[in-house]
Amino acid sequence: MTLPTLFVPHGGGPCFFMDPAGGQPDPMWRPMQAYLAGLLASLPERPKAILMVSGHWEEPEVALHMGDGQPLLYDYYGFPEHTYRLSWDASGAPDVARRAGTLLRGASFPVREESARGWDHGVFIPMMVMVPEADIPLVQMSLRKDLDPAAHIAIGRALAPLRDEGVLIVGSGMSFHNLGARGPQVTPVADEWDAALTEAVTDPDSAARADRVARWEELPHARFAHPEAEHLLPLMVALGAGGDGPAVLDYSDHVLGWAVSGYRFG
């Protein structure tokens, strides 16, 4: 069975785990938490492994992590002390990493392998919600530092065969990511950007979809929504890997005054 691909929002820092007693997060984050918690049940079958690309890892060329992501990389700042002791101890998936590397090299993409870097919060925070038992192996893949949209769509296309091999491909980022712009005054602009992005991402013509999303900077308020593009680029990988199948809006809500969306492909 062919698995879909996903672009999911990973929230802000350890947003789902701010209560040291393990209670509910701030109400603002609960719909996003519920969406992430329901993703596994929404799939046609349980993945054998996950390949995840986060907006928090860039390398000059694509890098694949061959280890188990430990110790975790707590790459957020100014949060309560207990959030630097969170754990998600899934096993790595070096076999999937090697297979992904073979696919990428076959598509003429240079690939580097490494085992020292811990999984960043763009991986372990959403995975703690989505796979709380940490019982699905995971491999993290980096973005390419040039953040070229068309290249990342092509990288996704190269990885598409993994979907028939029980691997769930997940892009982890945020559809809106301007940390300096928050509050209700931002919402009208964020809504206009989100509507334009969603229209492009869900274009029923897959070729037009890829072209429109690759030209994301032409959408209204694009560089306001993303002063830097790293949180949007995981979307390109998920879209490319999703192939010619349907693309749907999987999640939509508001946090921090931002419209935030998640998408499913294939």
C-alpha atoms as a PDB file:
ATOM      1  CA  MET A   1       0.000   0.000   0.000  1.00  0.00           C
ATOM      2  CA  THR A   2       1.255   3.481  -0.856  1.00  0.00           C
ATOM      3  CA  LEU A   3       1.511   5.895   2.045  1.00  0.00           C
ATOM      4  CA  PRO A   4       0.715   9.592   1.627  1.00  0.00           C
ATOM      5  CA  THR A   5       3.233  12.290   2.462  1.00  0.00           C
ATOM      6  CA  LEU A   6       2.651  15.029   5.017  1.00  0.00           C
ATOM      7  CA  PHE A   7       3.644  18.599   5.732  1.00  0.00           C
ATOM      8  CA  VAL A   8       2.937  19.257   9.401  1.00  0.00           C
ATOM      9  CA  PRO A   9       3.341  22.274  11.693  1.00  0.00           C
ATOM     10  CA  HIS A  10       5.655  21.557  14.612  1.00  0.00           C
ATOM     11  CA  GLY A  11       4.506  24.446  16.799  1.00  0.00           C
ATOM     12  CA  GLY A  12       6.685  26.831  18.739  1.00  0.00           C
ATOM     13  CA  GLY A  13       9.547  25.350  20.754  1.00  0.00           C
ATOM     14  CA  PRO A  14       8.234  22.742  23.230  1.00  0.00           C
ATOM     15  CA  CYS A  15       4.742  24.274  23.081  1.00  0.00           C
ATOM     16  CA  PHE A  16       2.813  21.034  23.738  1.00  0.00           C
ATOM     17  CA  PHE A  17       4.874  20.184  26.836  1.00  0.00           C
ATOM     18  CA  MET A  18       5.064  23.375  28.864  1.00  0.00           C
ATOM     19  CA  ASP A  19       3.213  21.888  31.848  1.00  0.00           C
ATOM     20  CA  PRO A  20       5.702  19.862  33.946  1.00  0.00           C
ATOM     21  CA  ALA A  21       2.790  17.865  35.384  1.00  0.00           C
ATOM     22  CA  GLY A  22       1.935  16.610  31.904  1.00  0.00           C
ATOM     23  CA  GLY A  23      -1.379  18.422  31.622  1.00  0.00           C
ATOM     24  CA  GLN A  24      -2.865  20.119  28.610  1.00  0.00           C
ATOM     25  CA  PRO A  25      -0.881  22.783  26.739  1.00  0.00           C
ATOM     26  CA  ASP A  26      -2.006  26.375  26.368  1.00  0.00           C
ATOM     27  CA  PRO A  27      -5.467  26.237  24.718  1.00  0.00           C
ATOM     28  CA  MET A  28      -4.025  27.978  21.657  1.00  0.00           C
ATOM     29  CA  TRP A  29      -1.959  24.865  20.841  1.00  0.00           C
ATOM     30  CA  ARG A  30      -4.569  22.183  21.556  1.00  0.00           C
ATOM     31  CA  PRO A  31      -6.050  21.921  18.032  1.00  0.00           C
ATOM     32  CA  MET A  32      -2.561  21.468  16.573  1.00  0.00           C
ATOM     33  CA  GLN A  33      -1.762  18.873  19.218  1.00  0.00           C
ATOM     34  CA  ALA A  34      -4.995  17.014  18.447  1.00  0.00           C
ATOM     35  CA  TYR A  35      -4.198  17.048  14.726  1.00  0.00           C
ATOM     36  CA  LEU A  36      -0.737  15.599  15.272  1.00  0.00           C
ATOM     37  CA  ALA A  37      -2.066  13.011  17.736  1.00  0.00           C
ATOM     38  CA  GLY A  38      -4.573  11.734  15.169  1.00  0.00           C
ATOM     39  CA  LEU A  39      -2.255  11.419  12.190  1.00  0.00           C
ATOM     40  CA  LEU A  40      -1.209   7.776  12.588  1.00  0.00           C
ATOM     41  CA  ALA A  41      -4.812   6.623  12.799  1.00  0.00           C
ATOM     42  CA  SER A  42      -5.608   8.538   9.616  1.00  0.00           C
ATOM     43  CA  LEU A  43      -3.061   6.630   7.496  1.00  0.00           C
ATOM     44  CA  PRO A  44      -4.001   3.627   5.341  1.00  0.00           C
ATOM     45  CA  GLU A  45      -1.491   1.501   7.277  1.00  0.00           C
ATOM     46  CA  ARG A  46       0.992   1.946  10.080  1.00  0.00           C
ATOM     47  CA  PRO A  47       4.389   3.034   8.730  1.00  0.00           C
ATOM     48  CA  LYS A  48       7.368   0.736   9.123  1.00  0.00           C
ATOM     49  CA  ALA A  49       9.572   3.826   9.410  1.00  0.00           C
ATOM     50  CA  ILE A  50       9.454   7.609   9.091  1.00  0.00           C
ATOM     51  CA  LEU A  51      11.721   9.835   7.022  1.00  0.00           C
ATOM     52  CA  MET A  52      11.455  13.372   8.386  1.00  0.00           C
ATOM     53  CA  VAL A  53      12.869  16.645   7.129  1.00  0.00           C
ATOM     54  CA  SER A  54      12.812  19.522   9.604  1.00  0.00           C
ATOM     55  CA  GLY A  55      13.130  23.250   9.080  1.00  0.00           C
ATOM     56  CA  HIS A  56      15.880  23.211  11.726  1.00  0.00           C
ATOM     57  CA  TRP A  57      18.623  21.363   9.841  1.00  0.00           C
ATOM     58  CA  GLU A  58      20.425  22.751   6.791  1.00  0.00           C
ATOM     59  CA  GLU A  59      23.581  21.424   5.150  1.00  0.00           C
ATOM     60  CA  PRO A  60      25.456  22.384   1.954  1.00  0.00           C
ATOM     61  CA  GLU A  61      24.255  19.098   0.449  1.00  0.00           C
ATOM     62  CA  VAL A  62      21.550  16.696   1.578  1.00  0.00           C
ATOM     63  CA  ALA A  63      22.568  14.890   4.765  1.00  0.00           C
ATOM     64  CA  LEU A  64      21.009  11.729   6.180  1.00  0.00           C
ATOM     65  CA  HIS A  65      21.281  10.834   9.855  1.00  0.00           C
ATOM     66  CA  MET A  66      22.387   7.230  10.346  1.00  0.00           C
ATOM     67  CA  GLY A  67      21.989   7.057  14.135  1.00  0.00           C
ATOM     68  CA  ASP A  68      19.177   7.129  16.671  1.00  0.00           C
ATOM     69  CA  GLY A  69      19.079  10.885  17.168  1.00  0.00           C
ATOM     70  CA  GLN A  70      20.359  10.765  20.749  1.00  0.00           C
ATOM     71  CA  PRO A  71      21.045  12.870  22.676  1.00  0.00           C
ATOM     72  CA  LEU A  72      18.229  15.092  21.484  1.00  0.00           C
ATOM     73  CA  LEU A  73      19.114  18.584  20.313  1.00  0.00           C
ATOM     74  CA  TYR A  74      17.175  21.063  22.471  1.00  0.00           C
ATOM     75  CA  ASP A  75      17.511  23.884  19.957  1.00  0.00           C
ATOM     76  CA  TYR A  76      15.091  26.294  21.615  1.00  0.00           C
ATOM     77  CA  TYR A  77      15.809  29.012  24.122  1.00  0.00           C
ATOM     78  CA  GLY A  78      14.211  30.597  27.175  1.00  0.00           C
ATOM     79  CA  PHE A  79      11.774  27.826  28.053  1.00  0.00           C
ATOM     80  CA  PRO A  80      11.212  26.131  31.447  1.00  0.00           C
ATOM     81  CA  GLU A  81      13.968  23.853  32.691  1.00  0.00           C
ATOM     82  CA  HIS A  82      11.892  20.673  32.428  1.00  0.00           C
ATOM     83  CA  THR A  83      11.542  21.139  28.664  1.00  0.00           C
ATOM     84  CA  TYR A  84      15.273  20.440  28.335  1.00  0.00           C
ATOM     85  CA  ARG A  85      14.689  16.967  29.791  1.00  0.00           C
ATOM     86  CA  LEU A  86      12.002  15.844  27.352  1.00  0.00           C
ATOM     87  CA  SER A  87      12.671  12.487  25.718  1.00  0.00           C
ATOM     88  CA  TRP A  88      11.696  10.632  22.564  1.00  0.00           C
ATOM     89  CA  ASP A  89      13.847   7.547  22.208  1.00  0.00           C
ATOM     90  CA  ALA A  90      12.752   5.853  18.992  1.00  0.00           C
ATOM     91  CA  SER A  91      15.322   3.770  17.184  1.00  0.00           C
ATOM     92  CA  GLY A  92      17.045   5.104  14.105  1.00  0.00           C
ATOM     93  CA  ALA A  93      16.438   3.719  10.628  1.00  0.00           C
ATOM     94  CA  PRO A  94      19.858   3.364   8.988  1.00  0.00           C
ATOM     95  CA  ASP A  95      18.510   0.949   6.388  1.00  0.00           C
ATOM     96  CA  VAL A  96      15.987   3.567   5.283  1.00  0.00           C
ATOM     97  CA  ALA A  97      18.717   6.209   5.321  1.00  0.00           C
ATOM     98  CA  ARG A  98      20.883   4.073   3.045  1.00  0.00           C
ATOM     99  CA  ARG A  99      17.939   3.425   0.714  1.00  0.00           C
ATOM    100  CA  ALA A 100      17.135   7.157   0.611  1.00  0.00           C
ATOM    101  CA  GLY A 101      20.769   7.893  -0.164  1.00  0.00           C
ATOM    102  CA  THR A 102      20.718   5.442  -3.061  1.00  0.00           C
ATOM    103  CA  LEU A 103      17.577   7.058  -4.480  1.00  0.00           C
ATOM    104  CA  LEU A 104      18.998  10.566  -4.161  1.00  0.00           C
ATOM    105  CA  ARG A 105      22.350   9.674  -5.704  1.00  0.00           C
ATOM    106  CA  GLY A 106      20.463   7.991  -8.539  1.00  0.00           C
ATOM    107  CA  ALA A 107      18.805  11.347  -9.178  1.00  0.00           C
ATOM    108  CA  SER A 108      22.236  13.069  -9.190  1.00  0.00           C
ATOM    109  CA  PHE A 109      21.969  14.629  -5.731  1.00  0.00           C
ATOM    110  CA  PRO A 110      25.167  14.478  -3.628  1.00  0.00           C
ATOM    111  CA  VAL A 111      24.464  12.980  -0.221  1.00  0.00           C
ATOM    112  CA  ARG A 112      26.380  13.008   3.043  1.00  0.00           C
ATOM    113  CA  GLU A 113      25.839  10.597   5.920  1.00  0.00           C
ATOM    114  CA  GLU A 114      26.384  11.506   9.576  1.00  0.00           C
ATOM    115  CA  SER A 115      25.623   9.969  12.970  1.00  0.00           C
ATOM    116  CA  ALA A 116      26.530  12.600  15.577  1.00  0.00           C
ATOM    117  CA  ARG A 117      23.744  15.179  15.349  1.00  0.00           C
ATOM    118  CA  GLY A 118      20.768  14.748  17.664  1.00  0.00           C
ATOM    119  CA  TRP A 119      17.210  15.044  16.430  1.00  0.00           C
ATOM    120  CA  ASP A 120      16.145  18.691  16.705  1.00  0.00           C
ATOM    121  CA  HIS A 121      12.858  19.934  18.087  1.00  0.00           C
ATOM    122  CA  GLY A 122      11.338  20.020  14.607  1.00  0.00           C
ATOM    123  CA  VAL A 123      11.499  16.226  14.886  1.00  0.00           C
ATOM    124  CA  PHE A 124      11.064  15.215  18.497  1.00  0.00           C
ATOM    125  CA  ILE A 125       8.378  17.709  19.546  1.00  0.00           C
ATOM    126  CA  PRO A 126       5.795  16.688  16.903  1.00  0.00           C
ATOM    127  CA  MET A 127       6.872  13.031  17.161  1.00  0.00           C
ATOM    128  CA  MET A 128       6.259  13.031  20.922  1.00  0.00           C
ATOM    129  CA  VAL A 129       2.639  13.854  20.075  1.00  0.00           C
ATOM    130  CA  MET A 130       2.272  11.799  16.901  1.00  0.00           C
ATOM    131  CA  VAL A 131       4.152   8.660  18.043  1.00  0.00           C
ATOM    132  CA  PRO A 132       4.180   8.918  21.857  1.00  0.00           C
ATOM    133  CA  GLU A 133       5.382   5.331  22.314  1.00  0.00           C
ATOM    134  CA  ALA A 134       8.438   6.076  20.130  1.00  0.00           C
ATOM    135  CA  ASP A 135       7.910   2.692  18.491  1.00  0.00           C
ATOM    136  CA  ILE A 136       8.435   3.624  14.825  1.00  0.00           C
ATOM    137  CA  PRO A 137      12.050   3.949  13.605  1.00  0.00           C
ATOM    138  CA  LEU A 138      12.969   7.348  12.189  1.00  0.00           C
ATOM    139  CA  VAL A 139      15.624   8.860   9.966  1.00  0.00           C
ATOM    140  CA  GLN A 140      16.079  12.630   9.740  1.00  0.00           C
ATOM    141  CA  MET A 141      17.122  14.237   6.473  1.00  0.00           C
ATOM    142  CA  SER A 142      18.475  17.769   6.197  1.00  0.00           C
ATOM    143  CA  LEU A 143      17.415  20.565   3.942  1.00  0.00           C
ATOM    144  CA  ARG A 144      19.936  21.784   1.423  1.00  0.00           C
ATOM    145  CA  LYS A 145      21.360  25.119   2.536  1.00  0.00           C
ATOM    146  CA  ASP A 146      20.564  26.877  -0.748  1.00  0.00           C
ATOM    147  CA  LEU A 147      16.843  26.409   0.055  1.00  0.00           C
ATOM    148  CA  ASP A 148      16.104  26.094  -3.661  1.00  0.00           C
ATOM    149  CA  PRO A 149      12.379  25.255  -3.907  1.00  0.00           C
ATOM    150  CA  ALA A 150      12.543  23.393  -7.223  1.00  0.00           C
ATOM    151  CA  ALA A 151      15.536  21.365  -6.053  1.00  0.00           C
ATOM    152  CA  HIS A 152      13.706  20.308  -2.883  1.00  0.00           C
ATOM    153  CA  ILE A 153      10.659  19.299  -4.902  1.00  0.00           C
ATOM    154  CA  ALA A 154      12.985  17.185  -7.054  1.00  0.00           C
ATOM    155  CA  ILE A 155      14.557  15.699  -3.921  1.00  0.00           C
ATOM    156  CA  GLY A 156      11.064  14.696  -2.810  1.00  0.00           C
ATOM    157  CA  ARG A 157      10.345  13.118  -6.183  1.00  0.00           C
ATOM    158  CA  ALA A 158      13.507  11.044  -5.910  1.00  0.00           C
ATOM    159  CA  LEU A 159      12.352   9.744  -2.521  1.00  0.00           C
ATOM    160  CA  ALA A 160       8.823   8.824  -3.666  1.00  0.00           C
ATOM    161  CA  PRO A 161       9.520   5.056  -4.006  1.00  0.00           C
ATOM    162  CA  LEU A 162       9.882   4.905  -0.224  1.00  0.00           C
ATOM    163  CA  ARG A 163       6.130   5.414   0.027  1.00  0.00           C
ATOM    164  CA  ASP A 164       5.594   1.932  -1.434  1.00  0.00           C
ATOM    165  CA  GLU A 165       8.098   0.493   1.042  1.00  0.00           C
ATOM    166  CA  GLY A 166       6.236   1.408   4.209  1.00  0.00           C
ATOM    167  CA  VAL A 167       8.043   4.696   4.846  1.00  0.00           C
ATOM    168  CA  LEU A 168       6.075   7.799   5.821  1.00  0.00           C
ATOM    169  CA  ILE A 169       7.722  10.962   4.470  1.00  0.00           C
ATOM    170  CA  VAL A 170       7.026  13.968   6.705  1.00  0.00           C
ATOM    171  CA  GLY A 171       8.011  17.595   6.217  1.00  0.00           C
ATOM    172  CA  SER A 172       8.066  19.435   9.555  1.00  0.00           C
ATOM    173  CA  GLY A 173       7.925  23.231   9.539  1.00  0.00           C
ATOM    174  CA  MET A 174       5.360  26.021   9.731  1.00  0.00           C
ATOM    175  CA  SER A 175       3.290  27.438   6.889  1.00  0.00           C
ATOM    176  CA  PHE A 176       3.737  30.897   8.458  1.00  0.00           C
ATOM    177  CA  HIS A 177       6.952  31.690  10.309  1.00  0.00           C
ATOM    178  CA  ASN A 178       7.676  35.323  11.106  1.00  0.00           C
ATOM    179  CA  LEU A 179       8.662  35.384  14.762  1.00  0.00           C
ATOM    180  CA  GLY A 180       8.726  39.180  14.831  1.00  0.00           C
ATOM    181  CA  ALA A 181       5.083  39.550  13.793  1.00  0.00           C
ATOM    182  CA  ARG A 182       2.499  38.298  16.265  1.00  0.00           C
ATOM    183  CA  GLY A 183      -0.960  39.224  17.458  1.00  0.00           C
ATOM    184  CA  PRO A 184      -4.362  39.941  15.931  1.00  0.00           C
ATOM    185  CA  GLN A 185      -3.016  42.778  13.791  1.00  0.00           C
ATOM    186  CA  VAL A 186      -1.082  40.172  11.775  1.00  0.00           C
ATOM    187  CA  THR A 187      -4.082  37.919  11.122  1.00  0.00           C
ATOM    188  CA  PRO A 188      -5.555  39.594   7.999  1.00  0.00           C
ATOM    189  CA  VAL A 189      -2.198  39.475   6.204  1.00  0.00           C
ATOM    190  CA  ALA A 190      -1.500  35.934   7.429  1.00  0.00           C
ATOM    191  CA  ASP A 191      -4.936  34.823   6.245  1.00  0.00           C
ATOM    192  CA  GLU A 192      -4.360  36.242   2.761  1.00  0.00           C
ATOM    193  CA  TRP A 193      -0.982  34.499   2.508  1.00  0.00           C
ATOM    194  CA  ASP A 194      -2.426  31.237   3.804  1.00  0.00           C
ATOM    195  CA  ALA A 195      -5.294  31.268   1.319  1.00  0.00           C
ATOM    196  CA  ALA A 196      -2.908  31.872  -1.582  1.00  0.00           C
ATOM    197  CA  LEU A 197      -0.509  29.163  -0.398  1.00  0.00           C
ATOM    198  CA  THR A 198      -3.310  26.650   0.068  1.00  0.00           C
ATOM    199  CA  GLU A 199      -4.706  27.410  -3.393  1.00  0.00           C
ATOM    200  CA  ALA A 200      -1.269  26.741  -4.912  1.00  0.00           C
ATOM    201  CA  VAL A 201      -0.561  23.632  -2.820  1.00  0.00           C
ATOM    202  CA  THR A 202      -3.931  22.040  -3.614  1.00  0.00           C
ATOM    203  CA  ASP A 203      -3.939  22.805  -7.344  1.00  0.00           C
ATOM    204  CA  PRO A 204      -5.436  19.631  -8.891  1.00  0.00           C
ATOM    205  CA  ASP A 205      -2.925  19.758 -11.749  1.00  0.00           C
ATOM    206  CA  SER A 206       0.231  18.278 -10.220  1.00  0.00           C
ATOM    207  CA  ALA A 207       2.605  20.003 -12.662  1.00  0.00           C
ATOM    208  CA  ALA A 208       0.964  23.378 -12.055  1.00  0.00           C
ATOM    209  CA  ARG A 209       0.972  22.675  -8.326  1.00  0.00           C
ATOM    210  CA  ALA A 210       4.716  22.085  -8.270  1.00  0.00           C
ATOM    211  CA  ASP A 211       5.398  25.152 -10.392  1.00  0.00           C
ATOM    212  CA  ARG A 212       3.202  27.437  -8.306  1.00  0.00           C
ATOM    213  CA  VAL A 213       4.664  26.268  -5.012  1.00  0.00           C
ATOM    214  CA  ALA A 214       8.214  26.528  -6.346  1.00  0.00           C
ATOM    215  CA  ARG A 215       7.401  30.173  -7.135  1.00  0.00           C
ATOM    216  CA  TRP A 216       6.065  30.781  -3.638  1.00  0.00           C
ATOM    217  CA  GLU A 217       7.782  34.156  -3.377  1.00  0.00           C
ATOM    218  CA  GLU A 218       5.299  35.494  -5.945  1.00  0.00           C
ATOM    219  CA  LEU A 219       2.362  34.822  -3.621  1.00  0.00           C
ATOM    220  CA  PRO A 220       0.949  37.776  -1.642  1.00  0.00           C
ATOM    221  CA  HIS A 221       2.901  38.640   1.537  1.00  0.00           C
ATOM    222  CA  ALA A 222       5.324  35.765   0.910  1.00  0.00           C
ATOM    223  CA  ARG A 223       8.404  37.358   2.441  1.00  0.00           C
ATOM    224  CA  PHE A 224       6.368  38.727   5.319  1.00  0.00           C
ATOM    225  CA  ALA A 225       5.154  35.194   6.073  1.00  0.00           C
ATOM    226  CA  HIS A 226       8.662  33.769   5.640  1.00  0.00           C
ATOM    227  CA  PRO A 227      11.524  36.281   6.036  1.00  0.00           C
ATOM    228  CA  GLU A 228      13.670  33.146   5.849  1.00  0.00           C
ATOM    229  CA  ALA A 229      12.416  30.131   3.931  1.00  0.00           C
ATOM    230  CA  GLU A 230      13.659  27.196   6.008  1.00  0.00           C
ATOM    231  CA  HIS A 231      10.301  26.475   7.667  1.00  0.00           C
ATOM    232  CA  LEU A 232       8.542  26.318   4.295  1.00  0.00           C
ATOM    233  CA  LEU A 233      11.056  24.128   2.435  1.00  0.00           C
ATOM    234  CA  PRO A 234       9.976  20.848   4.107  1.00  0.00           C
ATOM    235  CA  LEU A 235       6.687  21.419   2.293  1.00  0.00           C
ATOM    236  CA  MET A 236       8.549  21.192  -1.029  1.00  0.00           C
ATOM    237  CA  VAL A 237       9.961  17.766  -0.157  1.00  0.00           C
ATOM    238  CA  ALA A 238       6.554  16.432   0.912  1.00  0.00           C
ATOM    239  CA  LEU A 239       4.924  17.841  -2.229  1.00  0.00           C
ATOM    240  CA  GLY A 240       7.547  16.339  -4.536  1.00  0.00           C
ATOM    241  CA  ALA A 241       7.341  12.934  -2.872  1.00  0.00           C
ATOM    242  CA  GLY A 242       3.547  13.067  -3.081  1.00  0.00           C
ATOM    243  CA  GLY A 243       3.659  12.645  -6.854  1.00  0.00           C
ATOM    244  CA  ASP A 244       0.636  13.208  -9.036  1.00  0.00           C
ATOM    245  CA  GLY A 245      -1.959  12.208  -6.458  1.00  0.00           C
ATOM    246  CA  PRO A 246      -4.370  14.532  -4.710  1.00  0.00           C
ATOM    247  CA  ALA A 247      -3.167  17.315  -2.459  1.00  0.00           C
ATOM    248  CA  VAL A 248      -5.469  18.382   0.357  1.00  0.00           C
ATOM    249  CA  LEU A 249      -5.581  20.833   3.216  1.00  0.00           C
ATOM    250  CA  ASP A 250      -5.250  18.517   6.210  1.00  0.00           C
ATOM    251  CA  TYR A 251      -5.236  21.054   9.050  1.00  0.00           C
ATOM    252  CA  SER A 252      -5.921  24.766   9.521  1.00  0.00           C
ATOM    253  CA  ASP A 253      -6.054  26.939  12.626  1.00  0.00           C
ATOM    254  CA  HIS A 254      -4.673  30.151  14.127  1.00  0.00           C
ATOM    255  CA  VAL A 255      -1.817  30.481  16.628  1.00  0.00           C
ATOM    256  CA  LEU A 256      -0.040  33.674  17.679  1.00  0.00           C
ATOM    257  CA  GLY A 257      -2.308  35.524  15.253  1.00  0.00           C
ATOM    258  CA  TRP A 258      -1.021  33.404  12.364  1.00  0.00           C
ATOM    259  CA  ALA A 259      -3.014  31.193  10.039  1.00  0.00           C
ATOM    260  CA  VAL A 260      -1.225  27.827  10.119  1.00  0.00           C
ATOM    261  CA  SER A 261      -1.948  24.931   7.759  1.00  0.00           C
ATOM    262  CA  GLY A 262      -0.906  21.330   7.227  1.00  0.00           C
ATOM    263  CA  TYR A 263      -1.124  19.400   3.956  1.00  0.00           C
ATOM    264  CA  ARG A 264      -1.350  15.802   2.731  1.00  0.00           C
ATOM    265  CA  PHE A 265      -0.227  14.505  -0.659  1.00  0.00           C
ATOM    266  CA  GLY A 266      -0.879  11.330  -2.611  1.00  0.00           C
END
